[in-house]
């Protein structure tokens, strides 16, 4: 963060807090940082889309299904390519198996998924609850490109059709 401020990509200015009368530092984008910030976002958004697609694909493991990791990655990739062809994700890079595998690694670290006795991937008890998984997918969606065509998982399901999710 400090380096981004040093290079004038971001700026910090003191402002009064909305809830208290204390002064706190607020990060904003100065006029000199727009080009670099746009460039960095273009690098960042394909990875966000990969993680968002991977998280959305975890709905296929609900309520108590498991799948060998190789097959899960293949299904995630198929799902990502379908979303790309439907113009729901903007970046084809999000279909990369490497990015999807990194998402699985992160989801393991976050205790969202685990390997069962058969060495297959399954959701942890907390994420077997559809609402908890939906909340995570919605949080990831907040970091997607503003050009992404996505409102909610429900709108995605209705656009693609319920049988679509059954194919996952």
N, C-alpha and C. Protein backbone atom coordinates (compact mmCIF):
# COMPACT_ATOMS: atom_id res chain seq x y z
N UNK A 1 0.82 -1.17 0.00
CA UNK A 1 0.00 0.00 0.00
C UNK A 1 0.88 1.25 0.00
N UNK A 2 1.92 1.21 0.80
CA UNK A 2 2.82 2.35 0.87
C UNK A 2 3.46 2.64 -0.48
N UNK A 3 3.85 1.58 -1.19
CA UNK A 3 4.48 1.77 -2.50
C UNK A 3 3.49 2.35 -3.49
N UNK A 4 2.23 1.93 -3.41
CA UNK A 4 1.22 2.48 -4.32
C UNK A 4 1.00 3.97 -4.04
N UNK A 5 1.08 4.36 -2.78
CA UNK A 5 0.99 5.78 -2.43
C UNK A 5 2.24 6.50 -2.93
N UNK A 6 3.42 5.89 -2.75
CA UNK A 6 4.67 6.51 -3.22
C UNK A 6 4.67 6.73 -4.73
N UNK A 7 4.05 5.82 -5.47
CA UNK A 7 4.01 5.92 -6.94
C UNK A 7 2.77 6.67 -7.43
N UNK A 8 2.02 7.26 -6.51
CA UNK A 8 0.85 8.08 -6.83
C UNK A 8 -0.27 7.29 -7.52
N UNK A 9 -0.33 5.99 -7.24
CA UNK A 9 -1.44 5.18 -7.73
C UNK A 9 -2.63 5.36 -6.80
N UNK A 10 -2.36 5.42 -5.51
CA UNK A 10 -3.36 5.68 -4.49
C UNK A 10 -2.92 6.88 -3.66
N UNK A 11 -3.86 7.49 -2.98
CA UNK A 11 -3.55 8.60 -2.09
C UNK A 11 -4.32 8.41 -0.79
N UNK A 12 -3.78 8.96 0.27
CA UNK A 12 -4.44 8.88 1.58
C UNK A 12 -4.72 10.31 2.03
N UNK A 13 -5.96 10.53 2.46
CA UNK A 13 -6.28 11.87 2.98
C UNK A 13 -7.08 11.69 4.27
N UNK A 14 -6.80 12.52 5.26
CA UNK A 14 -7.54 12.44 6.52
C UNK A 14 -8.95 13.02 6.35
N UNK A 15 -9.94 12.28 6.86
CA UNK A 15 -11.33 12.74 6.81
C UNK A 15 -12.01 12.37 8.12
N UNK A 16 -13.06 13.12 8.48
CA UNK A 16 -13.80 12.75 9.70
C UNK A 16 -14.58 11.45 9.46
N UNK A 17 -14.64 10.64 10.49
CA UNK A 17 -15.38 9.39 10.43
C UNK A 17 -16.87 9.66 10.34
N UNK A 18 -17.58 8.79 9.63
CA UNK A 18 -19.02 8.95 9.49
C UNK A 18 -19.75 8.59 10.79
N UNK A 19 -19.14 7.76 11.63
CA UNK A 19 -19.81 7.30 12.85
C UNK A 19 -19.30 8.00 14.11
N UNK A 20 -18.05 8.46 14.06
CA UNK A 20 -17.49 9.16 15.22
C UNK A 20 -16.93 10.49 14.74
N UNK A 21 -16.52 11.31 15.64
CA UNK A 21 -15.94 12.60 15.28
C UNK A 21 -14.43 12.52 15.08
N UNK A 22 -13.88 11.32 15.10
CA UNK A 22 -12.45 11.14 14.94
C UNK A 22 -12.04 11.29 13.49
N UNK A 23 -10.83 11.73 13.29
CA UNK A 23 -10.24 11.84 11.95
C UNK A 23 -9.58 10.50 11.63
N UNK A 24 -9.84 9.98 10.43
CA UNK A 24 -9.20 8.74 10.02
C UNK A 24 -8.73 8.88 8.58
N UNK A 25 -7.73 8.09 8.22
CA UNK A 25 -7.19 8.12 6.86
C UNK A 25 -8.12 7.37 5.92
N UNK A 26 -8.40 8.00 4.77
CA UNK A 26 -9.25 7.40 3.74
C UNK A 26 -8.41 7.26 2.48
N UNK A 27 -8.46 6.08 1.87
CA UNK A 27 -7.72 5.83 0.64
C UNK A 27 -8.59 6.24 -0.53
N UNK A 28 -8.01 6.95 -1.47
CA UNK A 28 -8.74 7.34 -2.68
C UNK A 28 -7.81 7.28 -3.88
N UNK A 29 -8.38 7.41 -5.05
CA UNK A 29 -7.64 7.35 -6.29
C UNK A 29 -7.38 8.76 -6.80
N UNK A 30 -6.12 9.20 -6.81
CA UNK A 30 -5.84 10.54 -7.31
C UNK A 30 -5.90 10.55 -8.84
N UNK A 31 -6.04 11.72 -9.45
CA UNK A 31 -6.08 11.80 -10.92
C UNK A 31 -4.86 11.16 -11.60
N UNK A 32 -3.72 11.23 -10.95
CA UNK A 32 -2.50 10.66 -11.56
C UNK A 32 -2.47 9.14 -11.49
N UNK A 33 -3.35 8.53 -10.74
CA UNK A 33 -3.31 7.08 -10.56
C UNK A 33 -4.29 6.29 -11.41
N UNK A 34 -5.14 6.96 -12.18
CA UNK A 34 -6.19 6.25 -12.91
C UNK A 34 -5.65 5.21 -13.89
N UNK A 35 -4.65 5.57 -14.67
CA UNK A 35 -4.14 4.63 -15.67
C UNK A 35 -3.51 3.41 -15.02
N UNK A 36 -2.67 3.63 -14.03
CA UNK A 36 -2.01 2.50 -13.37
C UNK A 36 -3.02 1.64 -12.62
N UNK A 37 -3.98 2.27 -11.96
CA UNK A 37 -4.99 1.52 -11.23
C UNK A 37 -5.81 0.67 -12.20
N UNK A 38 -6.17 1.24 -13.35
CA UNK A 38 -6.90 0.48 -14.37
C UNK A 38 -6.10 -0.71 -14.86
N UNK A 39 -4.81 -0.50 -15.07
CA UNK A 39 -3.93 -1.58 -15.50
C UNK A 39 -3.88 -2.69 -14.45
N UNK A 40 -3.72 -2.32 -13.19
CA UNK A 40 -3.65 -3.31 -12.12
C UNK A 40 -4.96 -4.08 -11.98
N UNK A 41 -6.08 -3.39 -12.17
CA UNK A 41 -7.37 -4.06 -12.12
C UNK A 41 -7.50 -5.09 -13.24
N UNK A 42 -7.01 -4.74 -14.43
CA UNK A 42 -7.06 -5.68 -15.56
C UNK A 42 -6.24 -6.93 -15.28
N UNK A 43 -5.19 -6.80 -14.49
CA UNK A 43 -4.40 -7.97 -14.09
C UNK A 43 -5.11 -8.79 -13.00
N UNK A 44 -5.81 -8.12 -12.15
CA UNK A 44 -6.44 -8.70 -10.96
C UNK A 44 -7.77 -9.40 -11.28
N UNK A 45 -8.60 -8.80 -12.12
CA UNK A 45 -9.96 -9.30 -12.34
C UNK A 45 -10.06 -10.73 -12.88
N UNK A 46 -9.17 -11.19 -13.77
CA UNK A 46 -9.29 -12.59 -14.20
C UNK A 46 -9.16 -13.58 -13.04
N UNK A 47 -8.29 -13.25 -12.08
CA UNK A 47 -8.14 -14.13 -10.92
C UNK A 47 -9.39 -14.09 -10.04
N UNK A 48 -9.95 -12.92 -9.88
CA UNK A 48 -11.19 -12.80 -9.10
C UNK A 48 -12.29 -13.63 -9.76
N UNK A 49 -12.40 -13.53 -11.08
CA UNK A 49 -13.41 -14.32 -11.79
C UNK A 49 -13.17 -15.82 -11.60
N UNK A 50 -11.90 -16.26 -11.62
CA UNK A 50 -11.59 -17.68 -11.38
C UNK A 50 -12.08 -18.13 -10.02
N UNK A 51 -11.81 -17.32 -9.00
CA UNK A 51 -12.21 -17.69 -7.65
C UNK A 51 -13.73 -17.64 -7.51
N UNK A 52 -14.36 -16.67 -8.17
CA UNK A 52 -15.81 -16.57 -8.13
C UNK A 52 -16.45 -17.78 -8.80
N UNK A 53 -15.94 -18.16 -9.98
CA UNK A 53 -16.46 -19.33 -10.71
C UNK A 53 -16.26 -20.59 -9.87
N UNK A 54 -15.07 -20.74 -9.30
CA UNK A 54 -14.77 -21.93 -8.50
C UNK A 54 -15.71 -22.01 -7.29
N UNK A 55 -15.94 -20.89 -6.62
CA UNK A 55 -16.85 -20.89 -5.47
C UNK A 55 -18.27 -21.21 -5.90
N UNK A 56 -18.72 -20.64 -7.01
CA UNK A 56 -20.07 -20.92 -7.50
C UNK A 56 -20.22 -22.39 -7.89
N UNK A 57 -19.16 -22.97 -8.42
CA UNK A 57 -19.20 -24.38 -8.81
C UNK A 57 -19.29 -25.31 -7.60
N UNK A 58 -18.92 -24.82 -6.42
CA UNK A 58 -19.03 -25.65 -5.22
C UNK A 58 -20.48 -25.98 -4.86
N UNK A 59 -21.44 -25.25 -5.43
CA UNK A 59 -22.84 -25.59 -5.20
C UNK A 59 -23.14 -27.00 -5.71
N UNK A 60 -22.33 -27.47 -6.67
CA UNK A 60 -22.55 -28.83 -7.19
C UNK A 60 -22.19 -29.90 -6.16
N UNK A 61 -21.48 -29.53 -5.10
CA UNK A 61 -21.12 -30.49 -4.04
C UNK A 61 -22.15 -30.51 -2.91
N UNK A 62 -23.18 -29.68 -3.02
CA UNK A 62 -24.18 -29.65 -1.97
C UNK A 62 -25.26 -30.69 -2.23
N UNK A 63 -25.89 -31.25 -1.24
CA UNK A 63 -25.59 -31.03 0.17
C UNK A 63 -24.45 -31.90 0.67
N UNK A 64 -24.30 -33.12 0.14
CA UNK A 64 -23.28 -34.01 0.70
C UNK A 64 -22.60 -34.83 -0.40
N UNK A 65 -22.24 -34.19 -1.47
CA UNK A 65 -21.56 -34.89 -2.55
C UNK A 65 -20.06 -34.67 -2.43
N UNK A 66 -19.31 -35.55 -3.07
CA UNK A 66 -17.86 -35.38 -3.12
C UNK A 66 -17.40 -35.73 -4.53
N UNK A 67 -16.23 -35.26 -4.86
CA UNK A 67 -15.71 -35.45 -6.21
C UNK A 67 -14.18 -35.43 -6.15
N UNK A 68 -13.55 -36.30 -6.91
CA UNK A 68 -12.09 -36.30 -7.01
C UNK A 68 -11.66 -34.94 -7.54
N UNK A 69 -10.57 -34.39 -7.01
CA UNK A 69 -10.15 -33.03 -7.35
C UNK A 69 -9.98 -32.83 -8.85
N UNK A 70 -9.40 -33.79 -9.55
CA UNK A 70 -9.21 -33.66 -10.99
C UNK A 70 -10.53 -33.44 -11.71
N UNK A 71 -11.55 -34.21 -11.34
CA UNK A 71 -12.87 -34.05 -11.95
C UNK A 71 -13.53 -32.74 -11.55
N UNK A 72 -13.32 -32.33 -10.31
CA UNK A 72 -13.87 -31.05 -9.85
C UNK A 72 -13.28 -29.90 -10.66
N UNK A 73 -11.98 -29.93 -10.89
CA UNK A 73 -11.33 -28.88 -11.67
C UNK A 73 -11.87 -28.89 -13.10
N UNK A 74 -12.05 -30.08 -13.67
CA UNK A 74 -12.60 -30.16 -15.04
C UNK A 74 -14.01 -29.58 -15.10
N UNK A 75 -14.81 -29.87 -14.10
CA UNK A 75 -16.17 -29.32 -14.06
C UNK A 75 -16.15 -27.81 -13.87
N UNK A 76 -15.25 -27.36 -13.02
CA UNK A 76 -15.12 -25.91 -12.82
C UNK A 76 -14.71 -25.24 -14.13
N UNK A 77 -13.78 -25.86 -14.85
CA UNK A 77 -13.33 -25.29 -16.11
C UNK A 77 -14.48 -25.27 -17.13
N UNK A 78 -15.24 -26.35 -17.20
CA UNK A 78 -16.40 -26.39 -18.10
C UNK A 78 -17.38 -25.28 -17.74
N UNK A 79 -17.63 -25.11 -16.46
CA UNK A 79 -18.53 -24.07 -15.97
C UNK A 79 -18.01 -22.69 -16.34
N UNK A 80 -16.71 -22.46 -16.14
CA UNK A 80 -16.11 -21.16 -16.47
C UNK A 80 -16.23 -20.89 -17.97
N UNK A 81 -15.98 -21.89 -18.80
CA UNK A 81 -16.09 -21.71 -20.25
C UNK A 81 -17.53 -21.44 -20.66
N UNK A 82 -18.46 -22.09 -20.01
CA UNK A 82 -19.88 -21.83 -20.29
C UNK A 82 -20.24 -20.39 -19.92
N UNK A 83 -19.78 -19.94 -18.76
CA UNK A 83 -20.04 -18.57 -18.35
C UNK A 83 -19.36 -17.57 -19.28
N UNK A 84 -18.19 -17.91 -19.79
CA UNK A 84 -17.51 -17.04 -20.74
C UNK A 84 -18.29 -16.97 -22.05
N UNK A 85 -18.74 -18.10 -22.54
CA UNK A 85 -19.50 -18.11 -23.80
C UNK A 85 -20.83 -17.37 -23.66
N UNK A 86 -21.38 -17.34 -22.45
CA UNK A 86 -22.62 -16.60 -22.18
C UNK A 86 -22.34 -15.14 -21.84
N UNK A 87 -21.07 -14.75 -21.85
CA UNK A 87 -20.61 -13.38 -21.55
C UNK A 87 -20.93 -12.96 -20.11
N UNK A 88 -20.94 -13.93 -19.23
CA UNK A 88 -21.16 -13.64 -17.81
C UNK A 88 -19.82 -13.35 -17.14
N UNK A 89 -18.77 -14.03 -17.58
CA UNK A 89 -17.42 -13.64 -17.17
C UNK A 89 -16.74 -13.01 -18.38
N UNK A 90 -15.94 -12.02 -18.12
CA UNK A 90 -15.35 -11.21 -19.18
C UNK A 90 -14.01 -11.76 -19.66
N UNK A 91 -13.29 -12.43 -18.80
CA UNK A 91 -11.92 -12.82 -19.10
C UNK A 91 -11.81 -14.33 -19.28
N UNK A 92 -11.33 -14.74 -20.45
CA UNK A 92 -11.16 -16.17 -20.70
C UNK A 92 -10.08 -16.76 -19.78
N UNK A 93 -9.18 -15.91 -19.31
CA UNK A 93 -8.12 -16.38 -18.41
C UNK A 93 -8.70 -17.05 -17.17
N UNK A 94 -9.91 -16.73 -16.79
CA UNK A 94 -10.49 -17.32 -15.58
C UNK A 94 -10.80 -18.80 -15.76
N UNK A 95 -10.72 -19.30 -17.00
CA UNK A 95 -10.99 -20.71 -17.28
C UNK A 95 -9.76 -21.59 -17.08
N UNK A 96 -8.65 -21.00 -16.73
CA UNK A 96 -7.39 -21.73 -16.58
C UNK A 96 -7.48 -22.74 -15.43
N UNK A 97 -7.06 -23.97 -15.73
CA UNK A 97 -7.05 -25.01 -14.69
C UNK A 97 -6.12 -24.62 -13.55
N UNK A 98 -5.02 -23.95 -13.87
CA UNK A 98 -4.09 -23.54 -12.81
C UNK A 98 -4.76 -22.57 -11.84
N UNK A 99 -5.48 -21.60 -12.36
CA UNK A 99 -6.18 -20.65 -11.49
C UNK A 99 -7.25 -21.35 -10.66
N UNK A 100 -7.95 -22.29 -11.27
CA UNK A 100 -8.99 -23.02 -10.55
C UNK A 100 -8.39 -23.90 -9.46
N UNK A 101 -7.24 -24.51 -9.74
CA UNK A 101 -6.54 -25.30 -8.71
C UNK A 101 -6.08 -24.40 -7.55
N UNK A 102 -5.60 -23.21 -7.88
CA UNK A 102 -5.23 -22.26 -6.82
C UNK A 102 -6.43 -21.89 -5.96
N UNK A 103 -7.59 -21.75 -6.59
CA UNK A 103 -8.81 -21.47 -5.84
C UNK A 103 -9.13 -22.62 -4.88
N UNK A 104 -8.99 -23.84 -5.36
CA UNK A 104 -9.23 -25.01 -4.51
C UNK A 104 -8.26 -25.01 -3.33
N UNK A 105 -7.00 -24.70 -3.58
CA UNK A 105 -6.01 -24.63 -2.50
C UNK A 105 -6.41 -23.58 -1.47
N UNK A 106 -6.82 -22.41 -1.95
CA UNK A 106 -7.26 -21.36 -1.04
C UNK A 106 -8.50 -21.79 -0.25
N UNK A 107 -9.45 -22.43 -0.92
CA UNK A 107 -10.68 -22.88 -0.25
C UNK A 107 -10.36 -23.91 0.83
N UNK A 108 -9.33 -24.72 0.62
CA UNK A 108 -8.89 -25.66 1.67
C UNK A 108 -8.33 -24.88 2.86
N UNK A 109 -7.52 -23.86 2.57
CA UNK A 109 -6.95 -23.05 3.65
C UNK A 109 -8.04 -22.32 4.42
N UNK A 110 -9.10 -21.91 3.74
CA UNK A 110 -10.22 -21.24 4.39
C UNK A 110 -11.18 -22.23 5.06
N UNK A 111 -10.86 -23.51 5.02
CA UNK A 111 -11.70 -24.57 5.60
C UNK A 111 -13.09 -24.60 4.99
N UNK A 112 -13.17 -24.34 3.71
CA UNK A 112 -14.44 -24.46 2.97
C UNK A 112 -14.63 -25.89 2.47
N UNK A 113 -13.52 -26.50 2.07
CA UNK A 113 -13.55 -27.87 1.54
C UNK A 113 -12.47 -28.68 2.24
N UNK A 114 -12.60 -29.99 2.11
CA UNK A 114 -11.61 -30.90 2.68
C UNK A 114 -11.59 -32.17 1.84
N UNK A 115 -10.59 -32.99 2.06
CA UNK A 115 -10.54 -34.29 1.42
C UNK A 115 -11.14 -35.31 2.37
N UNK A 116 -12.04 -36.14 1.85
CA UNK A 116 -12.64 -37.18 2.70
C UNK A 116 -11.78 -38.44 2.69
N UNK A 117 -12.28 -39.51 3.28
CA UNK A 117 -11.52 -40.76 3.39
C UNK A 117 -11.15 -41.34 2.03
N UNK A 118 -11.96 -41.07 1.02
CA UNK A 118 -11.72 -41.57 -0.34
C UNK A 118 -10.87 -40.60 -1.16
N UNK A 119 -10.28 -39.61 -0.51
CA UNK A 119 -9.46 -38.58 -1.16
C UNK A 119 -10.25 -37.77 -2.19
N UNK A 120 -11.52 -37.60 -1.93
CA UNK A 120 -12.36 -36.77 -2.78
C UNK A 120 -12.65 -35.46 -2.05
N UNK A 121 -12.90 -34.41 -2.82
CA UNK A 121 -13.17 -33.09 -2.24
C UNK A 121 -14.63 -33.04 -1.83
N UNK A 122 -14.87 -32.53 -0.63
CA UNK A 122 -16.23 -32.32 -0.15
C UNK A 122 -16.28 -31.01 0.63
N UNK A 123 -17.46 -30.46 0.77
CA UNK A 123 -17.64 -29.24 1.53
C UNK A 123 -17.53 -29.53 3.02
N UNK A 124 -17.00 -28.59 3.77
CA UNK A 124 -17.00 -28.73 5.22
C UNK A 124 -18.44 -28.47 5.71
N UNK A 125 -18.71 -28.85 6.92
CA UNK A 125 -20.08 -28.74 7.45
C UNK A 125 -20.65 -27.33 7.32
N UNK A 126 -19.84 -26.34 7.60
CA UNK A 126 -20.33 -24.94 7.54
C UNK A 126 -20.80 -24.58 6.14
N UNK A 127 -20.07 -25.01 5.11
CA UNK A 127 -20.40 -24.62 3.73
C UNK A 127 -21.40 -25.56 3.07
N UNK A 128 -21.85 -26.57 3.78
CA UNK A 128 -22.96 -27.37 3.27
C UNK A 128 -24.27 -26.58 3.36
N UNK A 129 -24.26 -25.54 4.17
CA UNK A 129 -25.40 -24.63 4.27
C UNK A 129 -25.36 -23.71 3.05
N UNK A 130 -26.39 -23.79 2.22
CA UNK A 130 -26.44 -23.02 0.98
C UNK A 130 -26.27 -21.52 1.23
N UNK A 131 -26.84 -21.02 2.31
CA UNK A 131 -26.76 -19.59 2.59
C UNK A 131 -25.34 -19.13 2.86
N UNK A 132 -24.56 -19.94 3.55
CA UNK A 132 -23.18 -19.59 3.87
C UNK A 132 -22.34 -19.55 2.59
N UNK A 133 -22.51 -20.56 1.74
CA UNK A 133 -21.78 -20.58 0.48
C UNK A 133 -22.22 -19.43 -0.42
N UNK A 134 -23.49 -19.15 -0.45
CA UNK A 134 -24.02 -18.05 -1.25
C UNK A 134 -23.44 -16.71 -0.78
N UNK A 135 -23.31 -16.55 0.52
CA UNK A 135 -22.74 -15.32 1.07
C UNK A 135 -21.30 -15.12 0.59
N UNK A 136 -20.52 -16.20 0.57
CA UNK A 136 -19.15 -16.10 0.10
C UNK A 136 -19.10 -15.76 -1.40
N UNK A 137 -19.93 -16.41 -2.19
CA UNK A 137 -19.96 -16.13 -3.63
C UNK A 137 -20.34 -14.67 -3.87
N UNK A 138 -21.29 -14.17 -3.12
CA UNK A 138 -21.70 -12.77 -3.25
C UNK A 138 -20.57 -11.82 -2.84
N UNK A 139 -19.82 -12.17 -1.80
CA UNK A 139 -18.69 -11.33 -1.39
C UNK A 139 -17.62 -11.29 -2.47
N UNK A 140 -17.32 -12.44 -3.06
CA UNK A 140 -16.35 -12.48 -4.15
C UNK A 140 -16.83 -11.66 -5.34
N UNK A 141 -18.12 -11.69 -5.61
CA UNK A 141 -18.68 -10.96 -6.75
C UNK A 141 -18.46 -9.45 -6.61
N UNK A 142 -18.36 -8.97 -5.40
CA UNK A 142 -18.15 -7.53 -5.18
C UNK A 142 -16.81 -7.06 -5.74
N UNK A 143 -15.87 -7.97 -5.92
CA UNK A 143 -14.54 -7.60 -6.40
C UNK A 143 -14.37 -7.83 -7.89
N UNK A 144 -15.42 -8.31 -8.56
CA UNK A 144 -15.35 -8.54 -10.00
C UNK A 144 -15.37 -7.22 -10.76
N UNK A 145 -15.00 -7.28 -12.01
CA UNK A 145 -14.99 -6.10 -12.86
C UNK A 145 -16.38 -5.47 -12.90
N UNK A 146 -16.46 -4.15 -12.89
CA UNK A 146 -17.78 -3.51 -12.97
C UNK A 146 -18.46 -3.78 -14.30
N UNK A 147 -17.72 -4.30 -15.28
CA UNK A 147 -18.30 -4.62 -16.58
C UNK A 147 -18.91 -6.02 -16.60
N UNK A 148 -18.74 -6.78 -15.51
CA UNK A 148 -19.27 -8.14 -15.45
C UNK A 148 -20.79 -8.11 -15.41
N UNK A 149 -21.38 -9.03 -16.15
CA UNK A 149 -22.84 -9.12 -16.17
C UNK A 149 -23.27 -10.17 -15.15
N UNK A 150 -23.54 -9.71 -13.97
CA UNK A 150 -23.90 -10.63 -12.89
C UNK A 150 -24.63 -9.84 -11.81
N UNK A 151 -25.74 -10.35 -11.38
CA UNK A 151 -26.46 -9.71 -10.28
C UNK A 151 -26.47 -10.62 -9.06
N UNK A 152 -26.83 -11.88 -9.24
CA UNK A 152 -26.87 -12.81 -8.12
C UNK A 152 -26.84 -14.23 -8.65
N UNK A 153 -26.58 -15.18 -7.76
CA UNK A 153 -26.61 -16.59 -8.15
C UNK A 153 -28.00 -16.96 -8.67
N UNK A 154 -29.03 -16.41 -8.03
CA UNK A 154 -30.39 -16.71 -8.47
C UNK A 154 -30.62 -16.25 -9.91
N UNK A 155 -30.15 -15.03 -10.23
CA UNK A 155 -30.33 -14.54 -11.59
C UNK A 155 -29.48 -15.34 -12.57
N UNK A 156 -28.31 -15.79 -12.12
CA UNK A 156 -27.46 -16.62 -12.95
C UNK A 156 -28.15 -17.95 -13.23
N UNK A 157 -28.73 -18.56 -12.21
CA UNK A 157 -29.43 -19.84 -12.38
C UNK A 157 -30.62 -19.69 -13.31
N UNK A 158 -31.36 -18.61 -13.19
CA UNK A 158 -32.53 -18.43 -14.05
C UNK A 158 -32.10 -18.14 -15.49
N UNK A 159 -30.99 -17.42 -15.65
CA UNK A 159 -30.51 -17.13 -17.01
C UNK A 159 -30.03 -18.38 -17.71
N UNK A 160 -29.31 -19.23 -16.97
CA UNK A 160 -28.75 -20.43 -17.57
C UNK A 160 -29.69 -21.62 -17.49
N UNK A 161 -30.70 -21.54 -16.66
CA UNK A 161 -31.66 -22.63 -16.51
C UNK A 161 -31.25 -23.58 -15.40
N UNK A 162 -32.21 -24.06 -14.66
CA UNK A 162 -31.94 -24.98 -13.54
C UNK A 162 -31.22 -26.24 -13.99
N UNK A 163 -31.58 -26.85 -15.14
CA UNK A 163 -30.84 -28.05 -15.55
C UNK A 163 -29.35 -27.81 -15.73
N UNK A 164 -28.99 -26.56 -16.00
CA UNK A 164 -27.58 -26.22 -16.16
C UNK A 164 -26.79 -26.60 -14.91
N UNK A 165 -27.29 -26.23 -13.73
CA UNK A 165 -26.58 -26.55 -12.50
C UNK A 165 -26.57 -28.05 -12.24
N UNK A 166 -27.56 -28.75 -12.74
CA UNK A 166 -27.57 -30.20 -12.57
C UNK A 166 -26.41 -30.85 -13.33
N UNK A 167 -25.93 -30.22 -14.42
CA UNK A 167 -24.82 -30.76 -15.20
C UNK A 167 -23.50 -30.65 -14.46
N UNK A 168 -23.42 -29.74 -13.51
CA UNK A 168 -22.18 -29.62 -12.75
C UNK A 168 -21.99 -30.88 -11.95
